[in-house]
Amino acid sequence: MAYDFDLYVIGAGSGGVRAARFSAGFGAKVAVAESRYLGGTCVNVGCVPKKLLVYGAHFAEDFEQASGFGWTLGEAQFDWPTLIANKDREINRLNGIYRNLLVNSGVTLHEGHAKIVDPHTVEINGERHTAKNILIATGGWPQIPEIPGHEHAISSNQAFFLKELPKRVLVVGGGYIAVEFAGIFHGLGAQTTLLYRGEMFLRGFDGSVRKHLQEELTKRGMDLQFNADIERIDKQADGSLKVTLKDGRQLEADCVFYATGRRPMLDNLGLENTAVKLDKKGFVEVDEQYQTAEPSILALGDVIGRVQLTPVALAEGMAIARRLFKPEQYRPVDYKMIPTAVFSLPNIGTVGLTEEEARDAGYEVQIFESRFRPMKLTLTECQERTLMKMVVDAKTDKVLGCHMVGPDAGEIIQGLAIALKAGATKRHFDETIGVHPTAAEEFVTMRTPVAR
């Protein structure tokens, strides 16, 4: 049968665009459907605008520390609408870049909501198109628990478009999105409380990292409340919010921000017209080649719920394009040693196994840790401390993981990720000459394991 397209991609986020562009580059006839915004979550309501807001929040510290270096500044004033307007302008620029990337690579762009009619047919804007392969790349969507008054809360989708900076913010959640936005609101001057129902935030991260960040955020004056959860939210006559916790306490806020998880975005996608199956959590089930139970339909990125990171979706998109249209270049995505950063204030950077994961996996480990006050702060009153940590296999000397909390942690960890991917040993680190004076050199000067 002759199809209209070799590949029809639903969703123009990072993974979908990568798969579409490279498939077209390999000679395939490709279309992409997008109902919201080009670039997906990352570009529009995720990592890119969030990092811009993190930069904005960090200036408060820079102004405070400048006096130690001889600078005399006038009273600093922050204007939220200016930051948001400048952020919007940059995101619009990136939307245009994504549009050009698709069109210039020969991809047909359909703007509207696409629905799968059968395993080889997609309907959009009242028209039907056939495709040999259909790729689901619709991403995720934040979800807010349906407690009484949940309609008064916001998610990350709304946070980027607030008209003004709230004076009092309750951030609910213990993952990286909650921690990052708590840092943004707090850094920009809002009275910020982070509520998490568990014992400690950032579950799955190294224990030393979690504890160190807790200490640093507390030093900065952020109100951290663990083992706390919201029962209901009531809007008051003056527009403020009265928040009742499950332990009976009541808090007042101007904004309640939920970052308690994301669901796969499969609304009205037409999966019932196919043999595609979902797992227990509602994500699309795929095999190692991203193929669903329906042979002609594939899926990638946040919608499959593996590693929900933009660079991972990009790698999956590339793998799909190569497997379908350039098989001689195909290689599977390696999910080991994926570096990641949390743009909290201070930042977290991490790659490889945590100490807990290494011990649970049966490794006999040596732990190297260093905590120090960064050189930049020695002329200031700021008492922030940086943490660097290495997890080493005592038997083979192989470095299993590197973790950091401190300025530019993500930038530093990216380089270390290459070393760990290549199988570096602690001796390799020890024999590497450091760049002096930098914080990064601490990773090659730690010599004595810490006692456990």
Protein backbone atom coordinates (compact mmCIF):
# COMPACT_ATOMS: atom_id res chain seq x y z
CA MET A 1 0.00 0.00 0.00
CA ALA A 2 1.20 3.53 -0.78
CA TYR A 3 1.09 5.82 2.27
CA ASP A 4 0.98 9.62 2.38
CA PHE A 5 3.96 9.61 4.76
CA ASP A 6 6.67 7.20 5.85
CA LEU A 7 6.50 8.65 9.38
CA TYR A 8 3.81 10.73 11.07
CA VAL A 9 4.94 12.24 14.37
CA ILE A 10 2.37 13.44 16.89
CA GLY A 11 4.03 16.04 19.10
CA ALA A 12 6.68 18.63 18.23
CA GLY A 13 8.66 18.47 21.44
CA SER A 14 12.37 17.70 21.63
CA GLY A 15 12.08 13.99 20.86
CA GLY A 16 9.44 14.31 18.15
CA VAL A 17 11.29 17.08 16.33
CA ARG A 18 14.58 15.17 16.47
CA ALA A 19 12.99 12.00 15.07
CA ALA A 20 11.17 13.97 12.35
CA ARG A 21 14.16 16.07 11.23
CA PHE A 22 16.61 13.22 10.98
CA SER A 23 14.12 10.86 9.38
CA ALA A 24 13.52 13.49 6.70
CA GLY A 25 17.28 13.91 6.37
CA PHE A 26 17.57 10.19 5.74
CA GLY A 27 15.15 10.52 2.85
CA ALA A 28 11.82 9.69 4.49
CA LYS A 29 8.60 11.59 3.86
CA VAL A 30 7.65 12.97 7.28
CA ALA A 31 4.87 15.01 8.90
CA VAL A 32 4.60 16.43 12.42
CA ALA A 33 1.41 17.45 14.21
CA GLU A 34 1.45 19.90 17.14
CA SER A 35 -1.57 21.30 18.95
CA ARG A 36 0.13 23.71 21.38
CA TYR A 37 3.63 25.03 20.95
CA LEU A 38 6.69 24.03 18.99
CA GLY A 39 9.50 22.75 21.18
CA GLY A 40 7.27 21.00 23.70
CA THR A 41 7.50 21.25 27.48
CA CYS A 42 11.25 21.93 27.63
CA VAL A 43 11.24 25.02 25.45
CA ASN A 44 7.92 26.50 26.55
CA VAL A 45 7.07 25.52 30.13
CA GLY A 46 10.07 23.51 31.26
CA CYS A 47 13.84 23.57 31.39
CA VAL A 48 14.53 26.63 29.20
CA PRO A 49 12.24 29.24 30.81
CA LYS A 50 12.93 27.70 34.23
CA LYS A 51 16.68 28.19 33.81
CA LEU A 52 16.07 31.80 32.79
CA LEU A 53 14.07 32.33 35.99
CA VAL A 54 16.83 30.63 38.02
CA TYR A 55 19.35 33.08 36.56
CA GLY A 56 17.03 35.91 37.57
CA ALA A 57 16.69 34.60 41.12
CA HIS A 58 20.46 34.27 41.52
CA PHE A 59 21.11 38.00 41.03
CA ALA A 60 19.90 38.74 44.56
CA GLU A 61 22.94 36.87 45.89
CA ASP A 62 25.28 38.52 43.41
CA PHE A 63 24.18 41.99 44.53
CA GLU A 64 24.58 41.01 48.17
CA GLN A 65 28.07 39.61 47.66
CA ALA A 66 29.34 42.44 45.45
CA SER A 67 30.21 44.69 48.41
CA GLY A 68 32.90 42.24 49.49
CA PHE A 69 34.68 42.95 46.21
CA GLY A 70 34.50 46.71 46.60
CA TRP A 71 31.29 47.45 44.71
CA THR A 72 28.82 49.94 46.12
CA LEU A 73 25.37 49.48 44.70
CA GLY A 74 22.16 51.40 44.96
CA GLU A 75 19.08 49.66 46.29
CA ALA A 76 18.28 46.79 43.94
CA GLN A 77 14.70 46.50 42.72
CA PHE A 78 13.15 43.54 40.95
CA ASP A 79 10.32 43.72 38.41
CA TRP A 80 8.59 40.39 37.69
CA PRO A 81 6.68 41.57 34.57
CA THR A 82 9.98 42.59 32.94
CA LEU A 83 11.50 39.16 33.55
CA ILE A 84 8.42 37.37 32.22
CA ALA A 85 8.17 39.62 29.14
CA ASN A 86 11.84 39.05 28.29
CA LYS A 87 11.40 35.31 28.88
CA ASP A 88 8.38 35.27 26.55
CA ARG A 89 10.35 37.05 23.83
CA GLU A 90 13.12 34.45 24.03
CA ILE A 91 10.66 31.54 23.96
CA ASN A 92 8.95 33.03 20.90
CA ARG A 93 12.36 33.22 19.22
CA LEU A 94 12.99 29.55 20.00
CA ASN A 95 9.53 28.60 18.67
CA GLY A 96 10.54 30.18 15.38
CA ILE A 97 13.80 28.28 15.34
CA TYR A 98 11.97 24.97 15.83
CA ARG A 99 9.58 25.88 13.01
CA ASN A 100 12.51 26.62 10.69
CA LEU A 101 14.31 23.43 11.70
CA LEU A 102 11.29 21.38 10.68
CA VAL A 103 10.36 23.21 7.49
CA ASN A 104 13.93 23.54 6.25
CA SER A 105 14.51 19.82 6.73
CA GLY A 106 11.54 19.01 4.50
CA VAL A 107 9.08 18.01 7.24
CA THR A 108 5.39 18.82 6.69
CA LEU A 109 4.01 20.68 9.74
CA HIS A 110 0.35 20.25 10.69
CA GLU A 111 -0.85 22.56 13.47
CA GLY A 112 -3.83 21.17 15.33
CA HIS A 113 -4.91 18.19 17.47
CA ALA A 114 -4.10 14.87 15.82
CA LYS A 115 -6.09 11.74 16.56
CA ILE A 116 -5.20 8.20 15.54
CA VAL A 117 -8.06 6.68 13.55
CA ASP A 118 -6.46 3.30 12.88
CA PRO A 119 -2.91 1.88 12.97
CA HIS A 120 -1.94 3.74 9.81
CA THR A 121 -4.25 6.78 9.76
CA VAL A 122 -4.21 10.12 11.57
CA GLU A 123 -6.98 12.72 11.47
CA ILE A 124 -6.22 16.41 12.03
CA ASN A 125 -8.26 19.53 11.25
CA GLY A 126 -10.89 17.39 9.52
CA GLU A 127 -8.38 15.75 7.15
CA ARG A 128 -7.02 12.22 7.20
CA HIS A 129 -3.42 11.22 6.44
CA THR A 130 -1.97 7.74 6.15
CA ALA A 131 1.48 6.74 7.35
CA LYS A 132 3.56 3.59 7.36
CA ASN A 133 4.71 4.48 10.89
CA ILE A 134 3.13 6.70 13.53
CA LEU A 135 5.26 8.06 16.39
CA ILE A 136 3.61 9.20 19.62
CA ALA A 137 5.71 11.98 21.18
CA THR A 138 3.04 13.90 23.09
CA GLY A 139 4.98 14.26 26.34
CA GLY A 140 3.64 14.77 29.83
CA TRP A 141 1.35 17.14 31.69
CA PRO A 142 1.47 18.28 35.34
CA GLN A 143 -1.21 16.91 37.60
CA ILE A 144 -2.70 18.43 40.75
CA PRO A 145 -4.42 16.12 43.27
CA GLU A 146 -8.18 16.63 43.34
CA ILE A 147 -8.40 17.83 46.92
CA PRO A 148 -11.10 20.34 47.92
CA GLY A 149 -10.05 23.69 46.47
CA HIS A 150 -7.53 22.26 44.01
CA GLU A 151 -8.81 24.71 41.40
CA HIS A 152 -7.11 27.50 43.37
CA ALA A 153 -3.67 25.90 42.95
CA ILE A 154 -1.32 26.27 39.97
CA SER A 155 1.23 24.00 38.29
CA SER A 156 4.43 24.80 36.41
CA ASN A 157 2.31 25.49 33.30
CA GLN A 158 0.76 28.55 34.95
CA ALA A 159 3.80 29.63 37.00
CA PHE A 160 5.62 30.91 33.92
CA PHE A 161 2.76 33.29 33.12
CA LEU A 162 1.84 34.78 36.50
CA LYS A 163 1.03 38.49 36.17
CA GLU A 164 2.91 39.34 39.34
CA LEU A 165 5.24 37.67 41.82
CA PRO A 166 3.20 36.32 44.77
CA LYS A 167 4.27 37.60 48.18
CA ARG A 168 3.69 34.24 49.93
CA VAL A 169 4.12 30.95 48.06
CA LEU A 170 3.53 27.36 49.15
CA VAL A 171 5.36 24.90 46.91
CA VAL A 172 4.05 21.35 47.26
CA GLY A 173 6.24 18.42 46.23
CA GLY A 174 9.61 16.81 46.82
CA GLY A 175 10.99 16.32 43.31
CA TYR A 176 13.38 18.48 41.34
CA ILE A 177 10.64 20.71 39.89
CA ALA A 178 9.40 21.59 43.39
CA VAL A 179 12.91 22.29 44.66
CA GLU A 180 13.79 24.42 41.64
CA PHE A 181 10.67 26.58 41.79
CA ALA A 182 10.98 27.00 45.55
CA GLY A 183 14.45 28.39 44.88
CA ILE A 184 13.13 30.70 42.15
CA PHE A 185 10.32 32.16 44.26
CA HIS A 186 12.53 32.47 47.34
CA GLY A 187 15.40 34.04 45.41
CA LEU A 188 13.12 36.63 43.82
CA GLY A 189 11.86 37.74 47.21
CA ALA A 190 8.70 35.74 47.91
CA GLN A 191 8.15 34.26 51.37
CA THR A 192 8.46 30.61 50.36
CA THR A 193 7.48 27.38 52.10
CA LEU A 194 8.23 23.96 50.62
CA LEU A 195 5.84 21.23 51.75
CA TYR A 196 6.62 17.57 51.16
CA ARG A 197 4.69 14.59 52.47
CA GLY A 198 7.83 12.45 52.85
CA GLU A 199 10.76 12.47 55.27
CA MET A 200 13.16 14.22 52.88
CA PHE A 201 12.92 15.67 49.39
CA LEU A 202 14.68 14.48 46.19
CA ARG A 203 14.03 10.77 46.68
CA GLY A 204 16.45 8.74 44.55
CA PHE A 205 19.29 11.25 44.82
CA ASP A 206 22.36 10.55 46.93
CA GLY A 207 21.69 10.88 50.66
CA SER A 208 24.57 13.29 51.20
CA VAL A 209 23.26 15.51 48.40
CA ARG A 210 19.75 15.61 49.86
CA LYS A 211 20.96 16.42 53.37
CA HIS A 212 23.43 19.05 52.16
CA LEU A 213 20.81 20.85 50.07
CA GLN A 214 18.41 20.82 53.02
CA GLU A 215 21.05 22.51 55.16
CA GLU A 216 21.85 25.13 52.51
CA LEU A 217 18.20 26.01 51.83
CA THR A 218 17.57 26.32 55.57
CA LYS A 219 20.57 28.67 55.87
CA ARG A 220 19.01 30.86 53.20
CA GLY A 221 15.81 31.17 55.18
CA MET A 222 13.54 28.90 53.17
CA ASP A 223 10.82 27.23 55.25
CA LEU A 224 11.10 23.46 54.67
CA GLN A 225 8.25 21.37 56.05
CA PHE A 226 8.54 17.60 55.64
CA ASN A 227 5.91 15.01 56.58
CA ALA A 228 3.35 17.65 55.63
CA ASP A 229 0.50 17.49 53.14
CA ILE A 230 -2.51 19.62 52.21
CA GLU A 231 -6.06 18.62 53.14
CA ARG A 232 -7.90 21.51 51.48
CA ILE A 233 -7.47 25.00 49.99
CA ASP A 234 -10.00 27.78 50.65
CA LYS A 235 -10.01 31.14 48.88
CA GLN A 236 -10.57 34.11 51.18
CA ALA A 237 -12.53 37.28 50.48
CA ASP A 238 -9.31 39.25 49.95
CA GLY A 239 -8.09 36.74 47.35
CA SER A 240 -5.55 35.05 49.61
CA LEU A 241 -5.60 31.30 50.20
CA LYS A 242 -6.14 29.50 53.50
CA VAL A 243 -4.42 26.12 53.36
CA THR A 244 -5.42 23.41 55.83
CA LEU A 245 -2.87 20.63 56.35
CA LYS A 246 -3.72 17.03 57.18
CA ASP A 247 -2.30 17.53 60.69
CA GLY A 248 -4.82 20.33 61.29
CA ARG A 249 -2.46 23.26 60.95
CA GLN A 250 -3.46 26.19 58.77
CA LEU A 251 -1.20 28.31 56.58
CA GLU A 252 -1.89 31.42 54.54
CA ALA A 253 -0.54 32.00 51.05
CA ASP A 254 -1.10 34.04 47.93
CA CYS A 255 -0.12 31.15 45.65
CA VAL A 256 -0.13 27.36 46.04
CA PHE A 257 2.15 25.73 43.48
CA TYR A 258 1.89 21.95 42.97
CA ALA A 259 4.80 19.94 41.59
CA THR A 260 3.66 16.46 42.54
CA GLY A 261 4.14 14.54 39.32
CA ARG A 262 3.30 14.49 35.65
CA ARG A 263 1.03 12.19 33.66
CA PRO A 264 1.44 11.08 30.03
CA MET A 265 -0.50 13.36 27.69
CA LEU A 266 -2.76 10.91 25.83
CA ASP A 267 -6.06 12.80 25.92
CA ASN A 268 -8.30 12.15 22.90
CA LEU A 269 -5.38 10.57 21.03
CA GLY A 270 -7.44 7.65 19.73
CA LEU A 271 -5.39 4.85 21.25
CA GLU A 272 -8.61 2.87 21.66
CA ASN A 273 -8.55 2.47 17.87
CA THR A 274 -5.27 0.56 18.08
CA ALA A 275 -3.68 -2.33 19.97
CA VAL A 276 -1.39 0.05 21.93
CA LYS A 277 -1.18 -0.91 25.61
CA LEU A 278 -0.52 1.22 28.69
CA ASP A 279 1.39 0.18 31.82
CA LYS A 280 0.09 0.41 35.40
CA LYS A 281 1.03 4.08 35.64
CA GLY A 282 -0.66 4.97 32.36
CA PHE A 283 2.47 5.30 30.23
CA VAL A 284 2.65 3.81 26.73
CA GLU A 285 4.26 0.36 26.78
CA VAL A 286 7.11 -0.05 24.28
CA ASP A 287 9.84 -2.59 23.65
CA GLU A 288 13.56 -1.87 23.41
CA GLN A 289 13.05 -0.37 19.96
CA TYR A 290 10.21 1.95 21.10
CA GLN A 291 7.60 -0.14 19.30
CA THR A 292 4.19 -0.51 20.91
CA ALA A 293 1.94 -3.56 20.82
CA GLU A 294 0.70 -2.10 17.52
CA PRO A 295 3.63 -2.78 15.11
CA SER A 296 3.15 0.43 13.10
CA ILE A 297 3.02 2.71 16.17
CA LEU A 298 6.04 3.83 18.17
CA ALA A 299 6.44 6.09 21.20
CA LEU A 300 9.25 7.96 22.94
CA GLY A 301 10.07 10.53 25.60
CA ASP A 302 8.01 11.42 28.65
CA VAL A 303 5.00 9.51 27.31
CA ILE A 304 6.80 6.17 27.85
CA GLY A 305 7.91 7.10 31.38
CA ARG A 306 11.49 5.83 31.30
CA VAL A 307 13.97 8.64 31.92
CA GLN A 308 12.05 11.89 31.58
CA LEU A 309 14.83 14.22 30.47
CA THR A 310 15.09 16.27 27.29
CA PRO A 311 18.49 14.87 26.17
CA VAL A 312 17.14 11.34 26.63
CA ALA A 313 14.14 12.10 24.39
CA LEU A 314 16.57 13.50 21.81
CA ALA A 315 18.63 10.30 21.94
CA GLU A 316 15.48 8.18 21.60
CA GLY A 317 14.33 10.24 18.61
CA MET A 318 17.68 9.75 16.92
CA ALA A 319 17.60 6.01 17.61
CA ILE A 320 14.13 5.69 16.04
CA ALA A 321 15.09 7.69 12.96
CA ARG A 322 18.18 5.57 12.40
CA ARG A 323 16.45 2.23 12.99
CA LEU A 324 13.65 3.04 10.54
CA PHE A 325 15.54 4.85 7.80
CA LYS A 326 19.29 4.44 8.32
CA PRO A 327 19.67 1.03 9.99
CA GLU A 328 23.39 0.78 9.27
CA GLN A 329 23.88 3.70 11.70
CA TYR A 330 21.51 2.41 14.38
CA ARG A 331 22.69 1.98 17.94
CA PRO A 332 20.46 1.63 21.00
CA VAL A 333 20.22 4.31 23.66
CA ASP A 334 22.40 3.56 26.69
CA TYR A 335 20.48 4.54 29.81
CA LYS A 336 23.47 4.07 32.11
CA MET A 337 25.56 7.01 33.33
CA ILE A 338 23.05 9.68 32.35
CA PRO A 339 24.20 12.96 33.94
CA THR A 340 21.61 15.32 35.29
CA ALA A 341 21.37 18.64 37.06
CA VAL A 342 18.85 20.20 39.41
CA PHE A 343 18.85 23.97 39.09
CA SER A 344 18.10 24.57 42.71
CA LEU A 345 19.97 27.38 44.45
CA PRO A 346 22.63 26.03 44.98
CA ASN A 347 22.71 23.69 41.96
CA ILE A 348 22.98 19.90 42.04
CA GLY A 349 24.94 17.89 39.49
CA THR A 350 25.02 14.10 39.50
CA VAL A 351 26.10 11.16 37.35
CA GLY A 352 26.26 7.43 38.02
CA LEU A 353 25.31 5.50 41.14
CA THR A 354 24.45 7.04 44.47
CA GLU A 355 26.12 5.62 47.56
CA GLU A 356 22.86 3.89 48.47
CA GLU A 357 22.42 2.36 44.99
CA ALA A 358 26.02 1.12 44.96
CA ARG A 359 25.66 -0.57 48.34
CA ASP A 360 22.29 -2.08 47.40
CA ALA A 361 23.90 -3.46 44.21
CA GLY A 362 26.45 -5.31 46.34
CA TYR A 363 29.50 -3.14 45.71
CA GLU A 364 32.13 -2.75 48.38
CA VAL A 365 32.46 1.02 48.18
CA GLN A 366 34.88 3.72 49.15
CA ILE A 367 33.37 7.18 49.62
CA PHE A 368 35.31 10.37 49.04
CA GLU A 369 33.70 13.63 50.16
CA SER A 370 34.75 17.24 50.34
CA ARG A 371 32.80 20.17 51.78
CA PHE A 372 34.22 23.65 51.45
CA ARG A 373 33.37 27.32 51.15
CA PRO A 374 33.85 28.39 47.52
CA MET A 375 36.69 30.84 46.88
CA LYS A 376 34.26 33.45 45.50
CA LEU A 377 32.60 33.68 48.91
CA THR A 378 35.76 34.19 51.00
CA LEU A 379 35.47 37.98 50.68
CA THR A 380 31.77 37.96 51.59
CA GLU A 381 29.60 37.18 54.59
CA CYS A 382 27.94 34.26 52.80
CA GLN A 383 28.50 30.93 54.56
CA GLU A 384 27.32 28.65 51.72
CA ARG A 385 29.33 25.45 51.39
CA THR A 386 29.87 23.21 48.37
CA LEU A 387 29.65 19.40 48.51
CA MET A 388 31.58 17.09 46.19
CA LYS A 389 31.33 13.32 46.48
CA MET A 390 32.71 10.28 44.69
CA VAL A 391 31.48 6.69 45.00
CA VAL A 392 34.24 4.20 44.13
CA ASP A 393 34.26 0.41 43.76
CA ALA A 394 36.89 -0.62 46.33
CA LYS A 395 37.73 -3.82 44.45
CA THR A 396 38.23 -2.44 40.92
CA ASP A 397 38.96 1.25 41.71
CA LYS A 398 36.28 2.18 39.16
CA VAL A 399 34.38 5.40 39.86
CA LEU A 400 30.70 4.49 40.13
CA GLY A 401 29.25 7.94 40.71
CA CYS A 402 30.03 11.63 41.16
CA HIS A 403 27.75 14.08 42.94
CA MET A 404 27.95 17.79 43.64
CA VAL A 405 25.97 20.57 45.29
CA GLY A 406 27.29 24.05 44.57
CA PRO A 407 27.74 26.75 41.92
CA ASP A 408 27.91 25.47 38.33
CA ALA A 409 27.43 21.86 39.44
CA GLY A 410 25.76 20.91 36.14
CA GLU A 411 28.62 22.40 34.11
CA ILE A 412 31.22 20.46 36.11
CA ILE A 413 29.36 17.14 36.12
CA GLN A 414 28.98 17.15 32.32
CA GLY A 415 32.74 16.72 31.91
CA LEU A 416 32.92 14.05 34.60
CA ALA A 417 30.13 12.13 32.87
CA ILE A 418 32.41 11.53 29.89
CA ALA A 419 35.09 10.10 32.19
CA LEU A 420 32.64 7.80 33.96
CA LYS A 421 31.13 6.70 30.64
CA ALA A 422 34.64 5.75 29.52
CA GLY A 423 35.16 3.68 32.70
CA ALA A 424 37.51 5.99 34.62
CA THR A 425 39.09 4.75 37.84
CA LYS A 426 39.90 6.73 40.97
CA ARG A 427 43.56 6.50 39.91
CA HIS A 428 42.70 8.27 36.65
CA PHE A 429 41.20 11.09 38.71
CA ASP A 430 44.19 11.14 41.08
CA GLU A 431 46.66 11.35 38.19
CA THR A 432 44.77 14.17 36.47
CA ILE A 433 46.22 17.61 37.14
CA GLY A 434 43.64 20.08 38.40
CA VAL A 435 42.78 23.48 37.00
CA HIS A 436 43.74 25.91 39.78
CA PRO A 437 42.11 27.72 41.43
CA THR A 438 38.71 26.20 40.65
CA ALA A 439 36.09 24.28 42.54
CA ALA A 440 36.23 21.55 39.89
CA GLU A 441 39.81 20.59 40.81
CA GLU A 442 38.50 19.21 44.10
CA PHE A 443 37.31 16.15 42.18
CA VAL A 444 40.95 15.28 41.34
CA THR A 445 42.46 16.11 44.75
CA MET A 446 40.30 14.02 47.10
CA ARG A 447 42.67 11.39 48.49
CA THR A 448 41.33 10.01 51.74
CA PRO A 449 38.11 7.97 51.93
CA VAL A 450 35.64 9.11 54.56
CA ALA A 451 34.83 6.77 57.40
CA ARG A 452 31.35 5.25 57.41
